[in-house]
Protein backbone atom coordinates (compact mmCIF):
# COMPACT_ATOMS: atom_id res chain seq x y z
CA MET A 1 17.05 -17.81 -26.85
CA PRO A 2 15.68 -14.86 -24.89
CA GLY A 3 12.61 -15.27 -22.75
CA LYS A 4 11.27 -14.87 -19.26
CA ILE A 5 10.73 -17.80 -16.92
CA THR A 6 9.81 -16.91 -13.35
CA LEU A 7 9.88 -19.30 -10.40
CA PRO A 8 7.98 -20.04 -8.30
CA HIS A 9 4.98 -19.72 -10.60
CA LYS A 10 1.34 -19.89 -9.46
CA CYS A 11 -1.70 -20.66 -11.61
CA PRO A 12 -4.06 -17.66 -11.37
CA LYS A 13 -7.13 -19.90 -11.71
CA CYS A 14 -6.57 -22.80 -9.26
CA GLY A 15 -3.48 -21.77 -7.26
CA THR A 16 -1.22 -24.69 -8.26
CA ILE A 17 2.45 -23.77 -7.69
CA ALA A 18 5.56 -24.95 -9.55
CA LYS A 19 8.82 -24.34 -7.66
CA THR A 20 11.39 -25.96 -9.98
CA GLU A 21 11.97 -25.86 -13.74
CA PRO A 22 11.13 -29.57 -14.27
CA GLU A 23 7.92 -29.09 -12.27
CA LEU A 24 7.12 -25.98 -14.31
CA ASP A 25 7.54 -27.95 -17.54
CA ARG A 26 5.37 -30.83 -16.29
CA VAL A 27 2.57 -28.77 -14.69
CA PHE A 28 2.44 -25.61 -16.85
CA GLY A 29 4.46 -26.12 -20.03
CA TYR A 30 6.13 -23.46 -22.15
CA ARG A 31 5.17 -21.27 -25.09
CA THR A 32 7.08 -19.25 -27.67
CA LYS A 33 6.49 -15.53 -27.38
CA ASP A 34 8.28 -12.71 -29.22
CA GLY A 35 11.04 -15.06 -30.35
CA GLY A 36 11.68 -16.38 -26.81
CA ILE A 37 10.33 -19.02 -24.49
CA THR A 38 8.15 -18.25 -21.50
CA ASN A 39 6.04 -20.33 -19.15
CA GLN A 40 2.28 -20.70 -19.66
CA SER A 41 0.28 -18.59 -17.22
CA GLN A 42 -2.31 -21.27 -16.38
CA CYS A 43 -1.58 -24.89 -15.51
CA LYS A 44 -2.44 -27.66 -17.98
CA LYS A 45 -5.54 -28.68 -15.96
CA CYS A 46 -7.05 -25.19 -16.18
CA ARG A 47 -6.39 -24.65 -19.89
């Protein structure tokens, strides 16, 4: 499935950083966009 996942990823609101894919899943989560999966831009606490 095509998509764009970039690491490390930083929350634009609070500055939380995820450096690994498991950390990205736990702290930010994923979303489906244009038929692919991408990481959420903001962390779960800020959403």
